[in-house]
Amino acid sequence: MEAAARRRQQPGAAGGPGAQPGASFLQARYIPFFLILFMYFSGCFTPTKTESVMPGAALLLVVPSGLYYWYLVTEGQIFILFIFTFFAMLALVLHQKRKRLFLDSNGLFLFYSFAITLLLVALWVAWLWNDPVLRKKYPGVIYVPEPWAFYTLHVSSRH
């Protein structure tokens, strides 16, 4: 009886002081981030089409921004939250288009970054779709392997 009580108190034991947070907790802590991004995005509309242009310098930064979000989505395992945010942004764009409102440069930058992220995640999943070890590690319908898992499995083992 005492040994069972001691095991429950060990760091890292389920519910113990050093326990790793569950996946739902990790996803939940990103909710405010994506909510703030969406709120910011909802204010990025303008009535004139001429203001709906991205400067050249911003075009250079869209790809690194998309790459950053790709890493955040894949390593953080928050694809569901990301895709819901992206579809909410898309729905808002379509709704505002009916009101003849257009995305300004900031909104275009964020929307294009998310679109590139979605493309990168799709390419990542397609590339690793038939990997038996990662498939076993990430079972289920939504299969988005972490870059770190790929690195430790395939890259670091070669050295």
C-alpha atoms as a PDB file:
ATOM      1  CA  MET A   1       0.000   0.000   0.000  1.00  0.00           C
ATOM      2  CA  GLU A   2       2.804   2.383   0.932  1.00  0.00           C
ATOM      3  CA  ALA A   3       4.759   1.555  -2.233  1.00  0.00           C
ATOM      4  CA  ALA A   4       1.734   2.419  -4.403  1.00  0.00           C
ATOM      5  CA  ALA A   5       1.373   5.757  -2.611  1.00  0.00           C
ATOM      6  CA  ARG A   6       5.094   6.453  -3.119  1.00  0.00           C
ATOM      7  CA  ARG A   7       4.849   5.588  -6.830  1.00  0.00           C
ATOM      8  CA  ARG A   8       2.013   8.070  -7.247  1.00  0.00           C
ATOM      9  CA  GLN A   9       4.164  10.796  -5.689  1.00  0.00           C
ATOM     10  CA  GLN A  10       7.204  10.166  -7.918  1.00  0.00           C
ATOM     11  CA  PRO A  11       8.068  13.017 -10.287  1.00  0.00           C
ATOM     12  CA  GLY A  12       6.720  12.235 -13.732  1.00  0.00           C
ATOM     13  CA  ALA A  13       4.094   9.805 -12.463  1.00  0.00           C
ATOM     14  CA  ALA A  14       0.599  10.320 -13.768  1.00  0.00           C
ATOM     15  CA  GLY A  15      -0.702  13.393 -12.023  1.00  0.00           C
ATOM     16  CA  GLY A  16       2.520  13.760  -9.999  1.00  0.00           C
ATOM     17  CA  PRO A  17       4.429  17.003  -9.549  1.00  0.00           C
ATOM     18  CA  GLY A  18       6.700  16.398 -12.546  1.00  0.00           C
ATOM     19  CA  ALA A  19       4.038  14.948 -14.837  1.00  0.00           C
ATOM     20  CA  GLN A  20       4.083  15.947 -18.478  1.00  0.00           C
ATOM     21  CA  PRO A  21       1.029  17.952 -19.539  1.00  0.00           C
ATOM     22  CA  GLY A  22      -1.418  16.117 -21.790  1.00  0.00           C
ATOM     23  CA  ALA A  23      -1.998  16.903 -25.447  1.00  0.00           C
ATOM     24  CA  SER A  24      -5.293  18.647 -24.760  1.00  0.00           C
ATOM     25  CA  PHE A  25      -3.567  21.008 -22.322  1.00  0.00           C
ATOM     26  CA  LEU A  26      -0.848  21.774 -24.861  1.00  0.00           C
ATOM     27  CA  GLN A  27      -3.460  22.588 -27.490  1.00  0.00           C
ATOM     28  CA  ALA A  28      -5.529  24.631 -25.052  1.00  0.00           C
ATOM     29  CA  ARG A  29      -2.642  26.941 -24.254  1.00  0.00           C
ATOM     30  CA  TYR A  30      -2.500  28.003 -27.927  1.00  0.00           C
ATOM     31  CA  ILE A  31      -6.185  29.028 -28.013  1.00  0.00           C
ATOM     32  CA  PRO A  32      -5.524  32.618 -26.832  1.00  0.00           C
ATOM     33  CA  PHE A  33      -2.758  32.986 -29.438  1.00  0.00           C
ATOM     34  CA  PHE A  34      -4.985  31.959 -32.345  1.00  0.00           C
ATOM     35  CA  LEU A  35      -7.941  33.907 -30.933  1.00  0.00           C
ATOM     36  CA  ILE A  36      -5.840  37.089 -30.823  1.00  0.00           C
ATOM     37  CA  LEU A  37      -4.569  36.417 -34.360  1.00  0.00           C
ATOM     38  CA  PHE A  38      -8.149  36.058 -35.564  1.00  0.00           C
ATOM     39  CA  MET A  39      -9.268  39.208 -33.745  1.00  0.00           C
ATOM     40  CA  TYR A  40      -6.352  41.101 -35.305  1.00  0.00           C
ATOM     41  CA  PHE A  41      -7.225  39.649 -38.713  1.00  0.00           C
ATOM     42  CA  SER A  42     -10.857  40.764 -38.373  1.00  0.00           C
ATOM     43  CA  GLY A  43      -9.659  44.379 -38.224  1.00  0.00           C
ATOM     44  CA  CYS A  44      -7.572  44.108 -41.394  1.00  0.00           C
ATOM     45  CA  PHE A  45     -10.227  45.106 -43.922  1.00  0.00           C
ATOM     46  CA  THR A  46     -10.456  48.249 -46.010  1.00  0.00           C
ATOM     47  CA  PRO A  47     -13.206  49.607 -48.285  1.00  0.00           C
ATOM     48  CA  THR A  48     -10.821  50.468 -51.122  1.00  0.00           C
ATOM     49  CA  LYS A  49      -9.245  47.888 -53.383  1.00  0.00           C
ATOM     50  CA  THR A  50      -6.133  50.057 -53.894  1.00  0.00           C
ATOM     51  CA  GLU A  51      -5.122  49.561 -50.238  1.00  0.00           C
ATOM     52  CA  SER A  52      -5.341  45.801 -50.720  1.00  0.00           C
ATOM     53  CA  VAL A  53      -1.782  45.392 -51.960  1.00  0.00           C
ATOM     54  CA  MET A  54       1.219  43.903 -50.187  1.00  0.00           C
ATOM     55  CA  PRO A  55       4.544  45.749 -50.443  1.00  0.00           C
ATOM     56  CA  GLY A  56       7.457  43.891 -52.012  1.00  0.00           C
ATOM     57  CA  ALA A  57       9.337  43.609 -48.717  1.00  0.00           C
ATOM     58  CA  ALA A  58       6.347  41.869 -47.148  1.00  0.00           C
ATOM     59  CA  LEU A  59       6.308  39.343 -49.981  1.00  0.00           C
ATOM     60  CA  LEU A  60       9.849  38.351 -49.026  1.00  0.00           C
ATOM     61  CA  LEU A  61       8.760  37.668 -45.447  1.00  0.00           C
ATOM     62  CA  VAL A  62       5.648  35.617 -46.211  1.00  0.00           C
ATOM     63  CA  VAL A  63       7.582  32.386 -46.779  1.00  0.00           C
ATOM     64  CA  PRO A  64       9.618  32.586 -43.526  1.00  0.00           C
ATOM     65  CA  SER A  65       6.422  33.427 -41.670  1.00  0.00           C
ATOM     66  CA  GLY A  66       4.659  30.431 -43.209  1.00  0.00           C
ATOM     67  CA  LEU A  67       7.631  28.251 -42.308  1.00  0.00           C
ATOM     68  CA  TYR A  68       7.467  29.477 -38.703  1.00  0.00           C
ATOM     69  CA  TYR A  69       3.761  28.667 -38.470  1.00  0.00           C
ATOM     70  CA  TRP A  70       4.431  25.247 -40.079  1.00  0.00           C
ATOM     71  CA  TYR A  71       6.914  24.463 -37.316  1.00  0.00           C
ATOM     72  CA  LEU A  72       4.500  25.734 -34.660  1.00  0.00           C
ATOM     73  CA  VAL A  73       1.630  23.641 -36.033  1.00  0.00           C
ATOM     74  CA  THR A  74       3.600  20.432 -36.536  1.00  0.00           C
ATOM     75  CA  GLU A  75       5.850  20.493 -33.467  1.00  0.00           C
ATOM     76  CA  GLY A  76       3.090  21.802 -31.206  1.00  0.00           C
ATOM     77  CA  GLN A  77       0.587  19.258 -32.579  1.00  0.00           C
ATOM     78  CA  ILE A  78      -2.056  21.977 -32.961  1.00  0.00           C
ATOM     79  CA  PHE A  79      -3.252  21.259 -36.494  1.00  0.00           C
ATOM     80  CA  ILE A  80      -6.947  21.183 -35.509  1.00  0.00           C
ATOM     81  CA  LEU A  81      -6.734  24.606 -33.886  1.00  0.00           C
ATOM     82  CA  PHE A  82      -4.799  25.973 -36.858  1.00  0.00           C
ATOM     83  CA  ILE A  83      -7.220  24.627 -39.481  1.00  0.00           C
ATOM     84  CA  PHE A  84     -10.252  25.970 -37.595  1.00  0.00           C
ATOM     85  CA  THR A  85      -8.589  29.388 -37.414  1.00  0.00           C
ATOM     86  CA  PHE A  86      -7.722  29.283 -41.119  1.00  0.00           C
ATOM     87  CA  PHE A  87     -11.277  28.353 -42.116  1.00  0.00           C
ATOM     88  CA  ALA A  88     -12.667  31.085 -39.837  1.00  0.00           C
ATOM     89  CA  MET A  89     -10.354  33.560 -41.579  1.00  0.00           C
ATOM     90  CA  LEU A  90     -11.490  32.290 -44.980  1.00  0.00           C
ATOM     91  CA  ALA A  91     -15.157  32.578 -43.987  1.00  0.00           C
ATOM     92  CA  LEU A  92     -14.557  36.127 -42.748  1.00  0.00           C
ATOM     93  CA  VAL A  93     -12.877  37.089 -46.031  1.00  0.00           C
ATOM     94  CA  LEU A  94     -15.824  35.715 -48.011  1.00  0.00           C
ATOM     95  CA  HIS A  95     -18.326  37.467 -45.725  1.00  0.00           C
ATOM     96  CA  GLN A  96     -16.506  40.813 -45.937  1.00  0.00           C
ATOM     97  CA  LYS A  97     -16.237  40.495 -49.704  1.00  0.00           C
ATOM     98  CA  ARG A  98     -20.034  40.655 -49.877  1.00  0.00           C
ATOM     99  CA  LYS A  99     -19.824  43.966 -48.034  1.00  0.00           C
ATOM    100  CA  ARG A 100     -17.220  45.115 -50.574  1.00  0.00           C
ATOM    101  CA  LEU A 101     -14.435  45.137 -47.988  1.00  0.00           C
ATOM    102  CA  PHE A 102     -10.960  43.921 -48.942  1.00  0.00           C
ATOM    103  CA  LEU A 103      -7.980  42.708 -46.924  1.00  0.00           C
ATOM    104  CA  ASP A 104      -5.326  45.341 -46.312  1.00  0.00           C
ATOM    105  CA  SER A 105      -1.619  44.515 -46.527  1.00  0.00           C
ATOM    106  CA  ASN A 106      -1.474  43.181 -42.946  1.00  0.00           C
ATOM    107  CA  GLY A 107      -4.450  40.910 -43.507  1.00  0.00           C
ATOM    108  CA  LEU A 108      -3.029  39.675 -46.804  1.00  0.00           C
ATOM    109  CA  PHE A 109       0.274  38.914 -45.102  1.00  0.00           C
ATOM    110  CA  LEU A 110      -1.385  36.873 -42.350  1.00  0.00           C
ATOM    111  CA  PHE A 111      -3.740  35.093 -44.758  1.00  0.00           C
ATOM    112  CA  TYR A 112      -0.938  34.209 -47.184  1.00  0.00           C
ATOM    113  CA  SER A 113       1.247  33.027 -44.286  1.00  0.00           C
ATOM    114  CA  PHE A 114      -1.525  30.694 -43.159  1.00  0.00           C
ATOM    115  CA  ALA A 115      -2.106  29.478 -46.733  1.00  0.00           C
ATOM    116  CA  ILE A 116       1.603  28.683 -47.135  1.00  0.00           C
ATOM    117  CA  THR A 117       1.529  26.923 -43.771  1.00  0.00           C
ATOM    118  CA  LEU A 118      -1.378  24.766 -44.885  1.00  0.00           C
ATOM    119  CA  LEU A 119       0.489  23.888 -48.078  1.00  0.00           C
ATOM    120  CA  LEU A 120       3.662  23.021 -46.127  1.00  0.00           C
ATOM    121  CA  VAL A 121       1.732  20.835 -43.658  1.00  0.00           C
ATOM    122  CA  ALA A 122       0.027  19.023 -46.546  1.00  0.00           C
ATOM    123  CA  LEU A 123       3.406  18.410 -48.244  1.00  0.00           C
ATOM    124  CA  TRP A 124       4.922  17.266 -44.937  1.00  0.00           C
ATOM    125  CA  VAL A 125       2.123  14.775 -44.303  1.00  0.00           C
ATOM    126  CA  ALA A 126       2.178  13.507 -47.901  1.00  0.00           C
ATOM    127  CA  TRP A 127       5.950  12.997 -47.734  1.00  0.00           C
ATOM    128  CA  LEU A 128       5.762  11.006 -44.483  1.00  0.00           C
ATOM    129  CA  TRP A 129       2.429   9.279 -45.150  1.00  0.00           C
ATOM    130  CA  ASN A 130       3.876   5.775 -45.595  1.00  0.00           C
ATOM    131  CA  ASP A 131       6.488   5.928 -42.821  1.00  0.00           C
ATOM    132  CA  PRO A 132       5.585   2.878 -40.672  1.00  0.00           C
ATOM    133  CA  VAL A 133       7.357   4.024 -37.497  1.00  0.00           C
ATOM    134  CA  LEU A 134       5.860   7.521 -37.501  1.00  0.00           C
ATOM    135  CA  ARG A 135       2.456   6.069 -38.438  1.00  0.00           C
ATOM    136  CA  LYS A 136       2.616   3.899 -35.337  1.00  0.00           C
ATOM    137  CA  LYS A 137       3.705   6.840 -33.175  1.00  0.00           C
ATOM    138  CA  TYR A 138       0.932   9.123 -34.504  1.00  0.00           C
ATOM    139  CA  PRO A 139      -2.101   6.866 -35.031  1.00  0.00           C
ATOM    140  CA  GLY A 140      -5.504   8.172 -35.974  1.00  0.00           C
ATOM    141  CA  VAL A 141      -7.212  10.011 -38.755  1.00  0.00           C
ATOM    142  CA  ILE A 142      -5.251  13.231 -38.360  1.00  0.00           C
ATOM    143  CA  TYR A 143      -1.619  12.345 -38.989  1.00  0.00           C
ATOM    144  CA  VAL A 144       0.801  15.242 -38.526  1.00  0.00           C
ATOM    145  CA  PRO A 145       4.213  13.986 -37.393  1.00  0.00           C
ATOM    146  CA  GLU A 146       6.495  16.272 -35.425  1.00  0.00           C
ATOM    147  CA  PRO A 147       9.707  17.463 -37.114  1.00  0.00           C
ATOM    148  CA  TRP A 148      11.683  16.502 -34.022  1.00  0.00           C
ATOM    149  CA  ALA A 149      10.354  12.919 -34.198  1.00  0.00           C
ATOM    150  CA  PHE A 150      11.392  12.745 -37.843  1.00  0.00           C
ATOM    151  CA  TYR A 151      14.834  14.138 -37.013  1.00  0.00           C
ATOM    152  CA  THR A 152      15.486  11.709 -34.150  1.00  0.00           C
ATOM    153  CA  LEU A 153      14.218   8.762 -36.164  1.00  0.00           C
ATOM    154  CA  HIS A 154      15.812   9.354 -39.548  1.00  0.00           C
ATOM    155  CA  VAL A 155      18.510  12.036 -39.361  1.00  0.00           C
ATOM    156  CA  SER A 156      20.264  11.693 -36.007  1.00  0.00           C
ATOM    157  CA  SER A 157      20.414   7.890 -36.268  1.00  0.00           C
ATOM    158  CA  ARG A 158      22.711   8.200 -39.304  1.00  0.00           C
ATOM    159  CA  HIS A 159      25.422  10.012 -37.326  1.00  0.00           C
END
